[in-house]
ModelCIF file with pLDDT and N, C-alpha, C, O atoms, coordinates in Angstrom:
data_MODEL
#
_entry.id   MODEL 
#
_entity.id                         1 
_entity.type                       polymer 
_entity.pdbx_number_of_molecules   1 
#
_entity_poly.entity_id                      1 
_entity_poly.type                           'polypeptide(L)' 
_entity_poly.nstd_linkage                   no 
_entity_poly.nstd_monomer                   no 
_entity_poly.pdbx_seq_one_letter_code       RFLKIFMRQPKINASMIPSSKRAAQGMVNGLDLKAMKYVVEL 
_entity_poly.pdbx_seq_one_letter_code_can   RFLKIFMRQPKINASMIPSSKRAAQGMVNGLDLKAMKYVVEL 
_entity_poly.pdbx_strand_id                 A 
#
loop_
_entity_poly_seq.entity_id 
_entity_poly_seq.num 
_entity_poly_seq.mon_id 
_entity_poly_seq.hetero 
1 1  ARG n 
1 2  PHE n 
1 3  LEU n 
1 4  LYS n 
1 5  ILE n 
1 6  PHE n 
1 7  MET n 
1 8  ARG n 
1 9  GLN n 
1 10 PRO n 
1 11 LYS n 
1 12 ILE n 
1 13 ASN n 
1 14 ALA n 
1 15 SER n 
1 16 MET n 
1 17 ILE n 
1 18 PRO n 
1 19 SER n 
1 20 SER n 
1 21 LYS n 
1 22 ARG n 
1 23 ALA n 
1 24 ALA n 
1 25 GLN n 
1 26 GLY n 
1 27 MET n 
1 28 VAL n 
1 29 ASN n 
1 30 GLY n 
1 31 LEU n 
1 32 ASP n 
1 33 LEU n 
1 34 LYS n 
1 35 ALA n 
1 36 MET n 
1 37 LYS n 
1 38 TYR n 
1 39 VAL n 
1 40 VAL n 
1 41 GLU n 
1 42 LEU n 
#
_struct_asym.id          A 
_struct_asym.entity_id   1 
#
loop_
_ma_qa_metric.id 
_ma_qa_metric.mode 
_ma_qa_metric.name 
_ma_qa_metric.software_group_id 
_ma_qa_metric.type 
1 global pLDDT . pLDDT 
2 local  pLDDT . pLDDT 
#
_ma_qa_metric_global.metric_id      1 
_ma_qa_metric_global.metric_value   78.45 
_ma_qa_metric_global.model_id       1 
_ma_qa_metric_global.ordinal_id     1 
#
loop_
_ma_qa_metric_local.label_asym_id 
_ma_qa_metric_local.label_comp_id 
_ma_qa_metric_local.label_seq_id 
_ma_qa_metric_local.metric_id 
_ma_qa_metric_local.metric_value 
_ma_qa_metric_local.model_id 
_ma_qa_metric_local.ordinal_id 
A ARG 1  2 60.00 1 1  
A PHE 2  2 56.00 1 2  
A LEU 3  2 57.00 1 3  
A LYS 4  2 62.00 1 4  
A ILE 5  2 58.00 1 5  
A PHE 6  2 56.00 1 6  
A MET 7  2 54.00 1 7  
A ARG 8  2 62.00 1 8  
A GLN 9  2 62.00 1 9  
A PRO 10 2 56.00 1 10 
A LYS 11 2 56.00 1 11 
A ILE 12 2 58.00 1 12 
A ASN 13 2 57.00 1 13 
A ALA 14 2 59.00 1 14 
A SER 15 2 58.00 1 15 
A MET 16 2 54.00 1 16 
A ILE 17 2 58.00 1 17 
A PRO 18 2 62.00 1 18 
A SER 19 2 71.00 1 19 
A SER 20 2 81.00 1 20 
A LYS 21 2 85.00 1 21 
A ARG 22 2 90.00 1 22 
A ALA 23 2 90.00 1 23 
A ALA 24 2 92.00 1 24 
A GLN 25 2 94.00 1 25 
A GLY 26 2 94.00 1 26 
A MET 27 2 95.00 1 27 
A VAL 28 2 97.00 1 28 
A ASN 29 2 95.00 1 29 
A GLY 30 2 96.00 1 30 
A LEU 31 2 97.00 1 31 
A ASP 32 2 97.00 1 32 
A LEU 33 2 97.00 1 33 
A LYS 34 2 97.00 1 34 
A ALA 35 2 97.00 1 35 
A MET 36 2 98.00 1 36 
A LYS 37 2 98.00 1 37 
A TYR 38 2 98.00 1 38 
A VAL 39 2 98.00 1 39 
A VAL 40 2 98.00 1 40 
A GLU 41 2 98.00 1 41 
A LEU 42 2 97.00 1 42 
#
loop_
_atom_site.group_PDB 
_atom_site.id 
_atom_site.type_symbol 
_atom_site.label_atom_id 
_atom_site.label_alt_id 
_atom_site.label_comp_id 
_atom_site.label_asym_id 
_atom_site.label_entity_id 
_atom_site.label_seq_id 
_atom_site.pdbx_PDB_ins_code 
_atom_site.Cartn_x 
_atom_site.Cartn_y 
_atom_site.Cartn_z 
_atom_site.occupancy 
_atom_site.B_iso_or_equiv 
_atom_site.pdbx_formal_charge 
_atom_site.auth_seq_id 
_atom_site.auth_comp_id 
_atom_site.auth_asym_id 
_atom_site.auth_atom_id 
_atom_site.pdbx_PDB_model_num 
ATOM 1   N N  . ARG A 1 1  ? 84.714  101.004 121.667 1.00 60.00 ? 1  ARG A N  1 
ATOM 2   C CA . ARG A 1 1  ? 84.560  102.796 121.014 1.00 60.00 ? 1  ARG A CA 1 
ATOM 3   C C  . ARG A 1 1  ? 84.931  102.492 119.291 1.00 60.00 ? 1  ARG A C  1 
ATOM 4   O O  . ARG A 1 1  ? 84.856  103.403 118.466 1.00 60.00 ? 1  ARG A O  1 
ATOM 5   N N  . PHE A 1 2  ? 85.249  101.376 119.000 1.00 56.00 ? 2  PHE A N  1 
ATOM 6   C CA . PHE A 1 2  ? 85.401  101.225 117.603 1.00 56.00 ? 2  PHE A CA 1 
ATOM 7   C C  . PHE A 1 2  ? 83.778  100.871 117.145 1.00 56.00 ? 2  PHE A C  1 
ATOM 8   O O  . PHE A 1 2  ? 83.209  101.542 116.284 1.00 56.00 ? 2  PHE A O  1 
ATOM 9   N N  . LEU A 1 3  ? 83.375  100.163 117.577 1.00 57.00 ? 3  LEU A N  1 
ATOM 10  C CA . LEU A 1 3  ? 81.474  99.789  117.546 1.00 57.00 ? 3  LEU A CA 1 
ATOM 11  C C  . LEU A 1 3  ? 80.790  101.094 117.507 1.00 57.00 ? 3  LEU A C  1 
ATOM 12  O O  . LEU A 1 3  ? 80.163  101.443 116.507 1.00 57.00 ? 3  LEU A O  1 
ATOM 13  N N  . LYS A 1 4  ? 80.876  101.732 118.430 1.00 62.00 ? 4  LYS A N  1 
ATOM 14  C CA . LYS A 1 4  ? 80.164  103.200 118.701 1.00 62.00 ? 4  LYS A CA 1 
ATOM 15  C C  . LYS A 1 4  ? 80.352  104.240 117.556 1.00 62.00 ? 4  LYS A C  1 
ATOM 16  O O  . LYS A 1 4  ? 79.484  104.978 117.090 1.00 62.00 ? 4  LYS A O  1 
ATOM 17  N N  . ILE A 1 5  ? 82.103  104.117 117.080 1.00 58.00 ? 5  ILE A N  1 
ATOM 18  C CA . ILE A 1 5  ? 82.246  105.269 115.790 1.00 58.00 ? 5  ILE A CA 1 
ATOM 19  C C  . ILE A 1 5  ? 81.583  104.548 114.923 1.00 58.00 ? 5  ILE A C  1 
ATOM 20  O O  . ILE A 1 5  ? 80.900  105.216 114.146 1.00 58.00 ? 5  ILE A O  1 
ATOM 21  N N  . PHE A 1 6  ? 81.540  102.970 114.737 1.00 56.00 ? 6  PHE A N  1 
ATOM 22  C CA . PHE A 1 6  ? 80.914  102.435 113.229 1.00 56.00 ? 6  PHE A CA 1 
ATOM 23  C C  . PHE A 1 6  ? 79.463  102.775 113.124 1.00 56.00 ? 6  PHE A C  1 
ATOM 24  O O  . PHE A 1 6  ? 79.000  103.098 112.030 1.00 56.00 ? 6  PHE A O  1 
ATOM 25  N N  . MET A 1 7  ? 78.455  102.704 114.572 1.00 54.00 ? 7  MET A N  1 
ATOM 26  C CA . MET A 1 7  ? 77.087  102.841 114.307 1.00 54.00 ? 7  MET A CA 1 
ATOM 27  C C  . MET A 1 7  ? 77.164  104.377 113.909 1.00 54.00 ? 7  MET A C  1 
ATOM 28  O O  . MET A 1 7  ? 76.551  104.658 112.879 1.00 54.00 ? 7  MET A O  1 
ATOM 29  N N  . ARG A 1 8  ? 77.743  105.300 114.485 1.00 62.00 ? 8  ARG A N  1 
ATOM 30  C CA . ARG A 1 8  ? 77.779  106.819 114.057 1.00 62.00 ? 8  ARG A CA 1 
ATOM 31  C C  . ARG A 1 8  ? 78.038  106.858 112.839 1.00 62.00 ? 8  ARG A C  1 
ATOM 32  O O  . ARG A 1 8  ? 77.068  107.163 112.144 1.00 62.00 ? 8  ARG A O  1 
ATOM 33  N N  . GLN A 1 9  ? 79.362  106.588 112.092 1.00 62.00 ? 9  GLN A N  1 
ATOM 34  C CA . GLN A 1 9  ? 79.298  106.908 110.891 1.00 62.00 ? 9  GLN A CA 1 
ATOM 35  C C  . GLN A 1 9  ? 80.289  105.573 110.065 1.00 62.00 ? 9  GLN A C  1 
ATOM 36  O O  . GLN A 1 9  ? 81.512  105.435 110.054 1.00 62.00 ? 9  GLN A O  1 
ATOM 37  N N  . PRO A 1 10 ? 79.186  104.701 109.406 1.00 56.00 ? 10 PRO A N  1 
ATOM 38  C CA . PRO A 1 10 ? 80.005  103.681 108.913 1.00 56.00 ? 10 PRO A CA 1 
ATOM 39  C C  . PRO A 1 10 ? 80.709  103.677 107.748 1.00 56.00 ? 10 PRO A C  1 
ATOM 40  O O  . PRO A 1 10 ? 81.636  102.928 107.438 1.00 56.00 ? 10 PRO A O  1 
ATOM 41  N N  . LYS A 1 11 ? 80.112  104.736 106.996 1.00 56.00 ? 11 LYS A N  1 
ATOM 42  C CA . LYS A 1 11 ? 80.708  104.917 105.451 1.00 56.00 ? 11 LYS A CA 1 
ATOM 43  C C  . LYS A 1 11 ? 82.508  105.527 105.690 1.00 56.00 ? 11 LYS A C  1 
ATOM 44  O O  . LYS A 1 11 ? 83.394  105.599 104.838 1.00 56.00 ? 11 LYS A O  1 
ATOM 45  N N  . ILE A 1 12 ? 82.551  105.834 106.937 1.00 58.00 ? 12 ILE A N  1 
ATOM 46  C CA . ILE A 1 12 ? 84.235  106.317 107.453 1.00 58.00 ? 12 ILE A CA 1 
ATOM 47  C C  . ILE A 1 12 ? 84.870  105.506 108.068 1.00 58.00 ? 12 ILE A C  1 
ATOM 48  O O  . ILE A 1 12 ? 86.064  105.371 107.804 1.00 58.00 ? 12 ILE A O  1 
ATOM 49  N N  . ASN A 1 13 ? 84.087  104.519 109.340 1.00 57.00 ? 13 ASN A N  1 
ATOM 50  C CA . ASN A 1 13 ? 84.826  103.509 109.620 1.00 57.00 ? 13 ASN A CA 1 
ATOM 51  C C  . ASN A 1 13 ? 84.122  102.324 108.959 1.00 57.00 ? 13 ASN A C  1 
ATOM 52  O O  . ASN A 1 13 ? 82.954  102.057 109.243 1.00 57.00 ? 13 ASN A O  1 
ATOM 53  N N  . ALA A 1 14 ? 84.682  101.763 108.264 1.00 59.00 ? 14 ALA A N  1 
ATOM 54  C CA . ALA A 1 14 ? 84.120  100.456 107.489 1.00 59.00 ? 14 ALA A CA 1 
ATOM 55  C C  . ALA A 1 14 ? 83.436  99.189  108.430 1.00 59.00 ? 14 ALA A C  1 
ATOM 56  O O  . ALA A 1 14 ? 82.454  98.477  108.221 1.00 59.00 ? 14 ALA A O  1 
ATOM 57  N N  . SER A 1 15 ? 84.340  99.243  109.476 1.00 58.00 ? 15 SER A N  1 
ATOM 58  C CA . SER A 1 15 ? 84.254  98.015  110.423 1.00 58.00 ? 15 SER A CA 1 
ATOM 59  C C  . SER A 1 15 ? 83.647  98.157  111.850 1.00 58.00 ? 15 SER A C  1 
ATOM 60  O O  . SER A 1 15 ? 83.684  99.067  112.677 1.00 58.00 ? 15 SER A O  1 
ATOM 61  N N  . MET A 1 16 ? 83.052  96.873  111.834 1.00 54.00 ? 16 MET A N  1 
ATOM 62  C CA . MET A 1 16 ? 82.279  97.167  113.444 1.00 54.00 ? 16 MET A CA 1 
ATOM 63  C C  . MET A 1 16 ? 83.350  97.028  114.617 1.00 54.00 ? 16 MET A C  1 
ATOM 64  O O  . MET A 1 16 ? 83.209  97.691  115.644 1.00 54.00 ? 16 MET A O  1 
ATOM 65  N N  . ILE A 1 17 ? 84.644  95.978  114.415 1.00 58.00 ? 17 ILE A N  1 
ATOM 66  C CA . ILE A 1 17 ? 85.532  95.572  115.243 1.00 58.00 ? 17 ILE A CA 1 
ATOM 67  C C  . ILE A 1 17 ? 86.812  96.393  114.838 1.00 58.00 ? 17 ILE A C  1 
ATOM 68  O O  . ILE A 1 17 ? 86.741  97.151  113.870 1.00 58.00 ? 17 ILE A O  1 
ATOM 69  N N  . PRO A 1 18 ? 87.642  96.302  115.343 1.00 62.00 ? 18 PRO A N  1 
ATOM 70  C CA . PRO A 1 18 ? 89.664  96.522  115.134 1.00 62.00 ? 18 PRO A CA 1 
ATOM 71  C C  . PRO A 1 18 ? 89.850  95.350  114.185 1.00 62.00 ? 18 PRO A C  1 
ATOM 72  O O  . PRO A 1 18 ? 88.954  94.508  114.235 1.00 62.00 ? 18 PRO A O  1 
ATOM 73  N N  . SER A 1 19 ? 90.754  95.156  113.408 1.00 71.00 ? 19 SER A N  1 
ATOM 74  C CA . SER A 1 19 ? 91.557  94.178  112.429 1.00 71.00 ? 19 SER A CA 1 
ATOM 75  C C  . SER A 1 19 ? 91.793  93.325  113.678 1.00 71.00 ? 19 SER A C  1 
ATOM 76  O O  . SER A 1 19 ? 91.653  93.611  114.867 1.00 71.00 ? 19 SER A O  1 
ATOM 77  N N  . SER A 1 20 ? 92.241  92.049  112.999 1.00 81.00 ? 20 SER A N  1 
ATOM 78  C CA . SER A 1 20 ? 93.126  91.225  114.095 1.00 81.00 ? 20 SER A CA 1 
ATOM 79  C C  . SER A 1 20 ? 94.791  91.445  114.049 1.00 81.00 ? 20 SER A C  1 
ATOM 80  O O  . SER A 1 20 ? 95.462  92.261  113.418 1.00 81.00 ? 20 SER A O  1 
ATOM 81  N N  . LYS A 1 21 ? 95.120  90.535  114.841 1.00 85.00 ? 21 LYS A N  1 
ATOM 82  C CA . LYS A 1 21 ? 96.602  90.613  115.060 1.00 85.00 ? 21 LYS A CA 1 
ATOM 83  C C  . LYS A 1 21 ? 97.187  90.007  113.689 1.00 85.00 ? 21 LYS A C  1 
ATOM 84  O O  . LYS A 1 21 ? 98.022  90.580  112.990 1.00 85.00 ? 21 LYS A O  1 
ATOM 85  N N  . ARG A 1 22 ? 96.673  88.889  113.448 1.00 90.00 ? 22 ARG A N  1 
ATOM 86  C CA . ARG A 1 22 ? 96.847  88.341  112.387 1.00 90.00 ? 22 ARG A CA 1 
ATOM 87  C C  . ARG A 1 22 ? 96.573  88.741  110.973 1.00 90.00 ? 22 ARG A C  1 
ATOM 88  O O  . ARG A 1 22 ? 97.022  88.040  110.066 1.00 90.00 ? 22 ARG A O  1 
ATOM 89  N N  . ALA A 1 23 ? 95.779  89.954  110.678 1.00 90.00 ? 23 ALA A N  1 
ATOM 90  C CA . ALA A 1 23 ? 95.187  90.883  109.604 1.00 90.00 ? 23 ALA A CA 1 
ATOM 91  C C  . ALA A 1 23 ? 96.507  91.688  109.378 1.00 90.00 ? 23 ALA A C  1 
ATOM 92  O O  . ALA A 1 23 ? 97.214  91.846  108.383 1.00 90.00 ? 23 ALA A O  1 
ATOM 93  N N  . ALA A 1 24 ? 96.596  92.225  110.911 1.00 92.00 ? 24 ALA A N  1 
ATOM 94  C CA . ALA A 1 24 ? 97.982  93.357  111.076 1.00 92.00 ? 24 ALA A CA 1 
ATOM 95  C C  . ALA A 1 24 ? 99.316  92.556  110.462 1.00 92.00 ? 24 ALA A C  1 
ATOM 96  O O  . ALA A 1 24 ? 100.094 93.188  109.747 1.00 92.00 ? 24 ALA A O  1 
ATOM 97  N N  . GLN A 1 25 ? 99.513  91.403  110.708 1.00 94.00 ? 25 GLN A N  1 
ATOM 98  C CA . GLN A 1 25 ? 100.674 90.807  110.523 1.00 94.00 ? 25 GLN A CA 1 
ATOM 99  C C  . GLN A 1 25 ? 100.943 90.376  109.203 1.00 94.00 ? 25 GLN A C  1 
ATOM 100 O O  . GLN A 1 25 ? 102.098 90.171  108.829 1.00 94.00 ? 25 GLN A O  1 
ATOM 101 N N  . GLY A 1 26 ? 99.552  90.163  108.169 1.00 94.00 ? 26 GLY A N  1 
ATOM 102 C CA . GLY A 1 26 ? 99.011  89.875  106.678 1.00 94.00 ? 26 GLY A CA 1 
ATOM 103 C C  . GLY A 1 26 ? 99.620  91.345  105.607 1.00 94.00 ? 26 GLY A C  1 
ATOM 104 O O  . GLY A 1 26 ? 100.033 91.289  104.449 1.00 94.00 ? 26 GLY A O  1 
ATOM 105 N N  . MET A 1 27 ? 99.465  92.650  106.568 1.00 95.00 ? 27 MET A N  1 
ATOM 106 C CA . MET A 1 27 ? 99.605  93.587  105.799 1.00 95.00 ? 27 MET A CA 1 
ATOM 107 C C  . MET A 1 27 ? 100.961 94.080  105.498 1.00 95.00 ? 27 MET A C  1 
ATOM 108 O O  . MET A 1 27 ? 101.260 94.897  104.627 1.00 95.00 ? 27 MET A O  1 
ATOM 109 N N  . VAL A 1 28 ? 101.876 93.384  106.467 1.00 97.00 ? 28 VAL A N  1 
ATOM 110 C CA . VAL A 1 28 ? 103.551 93.738  106.170 1.00 97.00 ? 28 VAL A CA 1 
ATOM 111 C C  . VAL A 1 28 ? 104.029 92.383  105.928 1.00 97.00 ? 28 VAL A C  1 
ATOM 112 O O  . VAL A 1 28 ? 105.238 92.225  106.103 1.00 97.00 ? 28 VAL A O  1 
ATOM 113 N N  . ASN A 1 29 ? 103.396 91.441  105.591 1.00 95.00 ? 29 ASN A N  1 
ATOM 114 C CA . ASN A 1 29 ? 104.138 90.009  105.291 1.00 95.00 ? 29 ASN A CA 1 
ATOM 115 C C  . ASN A 1 29 ? 104.940 90.231  104.027 1.00 95.00 ? 29 ASN A C  1 
ATOM 116 O O  . ASN A 1 29 ? 104.305 90.584  103.034 1.00 95.00 ? 29 ASN A O  1 
ATOM 117 N N  . GLY A 1 30 ? 106.084 90.093  103.942 1.00 96.00 ? 30 GLY A N  1 
ATOM 118 C CA . GLY A 1 30 ? 106.803 89.899  102.854 1.00 96.00 ? 30 GLY A CA 1 
ATOM 119 C C  . GLY A 1 30 ? 107.506 91.210  102.490 1.00 96.00 ? 30 GLY A C  1 
ATOM 120 O O  . GLY A 1 30 ? 108.081 91.227  101.402 1.00 96.00 ? 30 GLY A O  1 
ATOM 121 N N  . LEU A 1 31 ? 107.545 92.527  103.404 1.00 97.00 ? 31 LEU A N  1 
ATOM 122 C CA . LEU A 1 31 ? 108.263 93.692  103.313 1.00 97.00 ? 31 LEU A CA 1 
ATOM 123 C C  . LEU A 1 31 ? 109.168 93.820  104.560 1.00 97.00 ? 31 LEU A C  1 
ATOM 124 O O  . LEU A 1 31 ? 108.927 93.488  105.720 1.00 97.00 ? 31 LEU A O  1 
ATOM 125 N N  . ASP A 1 32 ? 110.281 94.391  104.018 1.00 97.00 ? 32 ASP A N  1 
ATOM 126 C CA . ASP A 1 32 ? 111.671 94.649  104.813 1.00 97.00 ? 32 ASP A CA 1 
ATOM 127 C C  . ASP A 1 32 ? 111.401 96.023  105.874 1.00 97.00 ? 32 ASP A C  1 
ATOM 128 O O  . ASP A 1 32 ? 111.987 97.099  105.760 1.00 97.00 ? 32 ASP A O  1 
ATOM 129 N N  . LEU A 1 33 ? 110.739 95.808  106.543 1.00 97.00 ? 33 LEU A N  1 
ATOM 130 C CA . LEU A 1 33 ? 110.284 97.078  107.637 1.00 97.00 ? 33 LEU A CA 1 
ATOM 131 C C  . LEU A 1 33 ? 111.523 97.655  107.806 1.00 97.00 ? 33 LEU A C  1 
ATOM 132 O O  . LEU A 1 33 ? 111.658 98.776  107.317 1.00 97.00 ? 33 LEU A O  1 
ATOM 133 N N  . LYS A 1 34 ? 112.667 97.055  108.506 1.00 97.00 ? 34 LYS A N  1 
ATOM 134 C CA . LYS A 1 34 ? 113.922 97.054  108.750 1.00 97.00 ? 34 LYS A CA 1 
ATOM 135 C C  . LYS A 1 34 ? 114.499 98.213  108.009 1.00 97.00 ? 34 LYS A C  1 
ATOM 136 O O  . LYS A 1 34 ? 114.830 99.140  108.747 1.00 97.00 ? 34 LYS A O  1 
ATOM 137 N N  . ALA A 1 35 ? 114.669 98.363  106.945 1.00 97.00 ? 35 ALA A N  1 
ATOM 138 C CA . ALA A 1 35 ? 115.231 98.845  105.794 1.00 97.00 ? 35 ALA A CA 1 
ATOM 139 C C  . ALA A 1 35 ? 114.018 100.126 105.806 1.00 97.00 ? 35 ALA A C  1 
ATOM 140 O O  . ALA A 1 35 ? 114.392 100.764 104.821 1.00 97.00 ? 35 ALA A O  1 
ATOM 141 N N  . MET A 1 36 ? 113.176 100.636 106.175 1.00 98.00 ? 36 MET A N  1 
ATOM 142 C CA . MET A 1 36 ? 112.407 101.693 105.850 1.00 98.00 ? 36 MET A CA 1 
ATOM 143 C C  . MET A 1 36 ? 112.787 102.807 106.538 1.00 98.00 ? 36 MET A C  1 
ATOM 144 O O  . MET A 1 36 ? 113.619 102.634 107.429 1.00 98.00 ? 36 MET A O  1 
ATOM 145 N N  . LYS A 1 37 ? 112.252 104.252 106.278 1.00 98.00 ? 37 LYS A N  1 
ATOM 146 C CA . LYS A 1 37 ? 112.689 105.480 106.658 1.00 98.00 ? 37 LYS A CA 1 
ATOM 147 C C  . LYS A 1 37 ? 111.384 106.231 106.835 1.00 98.00 ? 37 LYS A C  1 
ATOM 148 O O  . LYS A 1 37 ? 111.138 106.951 107.802 1.00 98.00 ? 37 LYS A O  1 
ATOM 149 N N  . TYR A 1 38 ? 110.484 105.975 105.707 1.00 98.00 ? 38 TYR A N  1 
ATOM 150 C CA . TYR A 1 38 ? 109.300 107.015 106.067 1.00 98.00 ? 38 TYR A CA 1 
ATOM 151 C C  . TYR A 1 38 ? 107.873 106.299 105.964 1.00 98.00 ? 38 TYR A C  1 
ATOM 152 O O  . TYR A 1 38 ? 107.540 106.008 104.815 1.00 98.00 ? 38 TYR A O  1 
ATOM 153 N N  . VAL A 1 39 ? 107.085 106.009 106.868 1.00 98.00 ? 39 VAL A N  1 
ATOM 154 C CA . VAL A 1 39 ? 105.984 105.316 106.246 1.00 98.00 ? 39 VAL A CA 1 
ATOM 155 C C  . VAL A 1 39 ? 105.044 106.119 106.697 1.00 98.00 ? 39 VAL A C  1 
ATOM 156 O O  . VAL A 1 39 ? 105.300 107.029 107.486 1.00 98.00 ? 39 VAL A O  1 
ATOM 157 N N  . VAL A 1 40 ? 103.724 105.846 106.198 1.00 98.00 ? 40 VAL A N  1 
ATOM 158 C CA . VAL A 1 40 ? 102.373 106.460 106.884 1.00 98.00 ? 40 VAL A CA 1 
ATOM 159 C C  . VAL A 1 40 ? 101.490 105.835 106.655 1.00 98.00 ? 40 VAL A C  1 
ATOM 160 O O  . VAL A 1 40 ? 101.310 105.284 105.568 1.00 98.00 ? 40 VAL A O  1 
ATOM 161 N N  . GLU A 1 41 ? 100.624 105.765 107.766 1.00 98.00 ? 41 GLU A N  1 
ATOM 162 C CA . GLU A 1 41 ? 99.377  104.890 108.078 1.00 98.00 ? 41 GLU A CA 1 
ATOM 163 C C  . GLU A 1 41 ? 98.042  105.906 108.073 1.00 98.00 ? 41 GLU A C  1 
ATOM 164 O O  . GLU A 1 41 ? 98.004  106.878 108.827 1.00 98.00 ? 41 GLU A O  1 
ATOM 165 N N  . LEU A 1 42 ? 97.128  105.637 107.298 1.00 97.00 ? 42 LEU A N  1 
ATOM 166 C CA . LEU A 1 42 ? 96.254  106.433 106.882 1.00 97.00 ? 42 LEU A CA 1 
ATOM 167 C C  . LEU A 1 42 ? 95.011  105.382 107.561 1.00 97.00 ? 42 LEU A C  1 
ATOM 168 O O  . LEU A 1 42 ? 93.822  105.681 107.451 1.00 97.00 ? 42 LEU A O  1 
#
């Protein structure tokens, strides 16, 4: 599904495949997620 969307509109969806679990972990490394009350994901 991700690849199809990329092929249709590459400027909106900038990758051909979803990010890896390691990438997701890298996005939150060093953050105290347990203390958070409101988060936004774009």
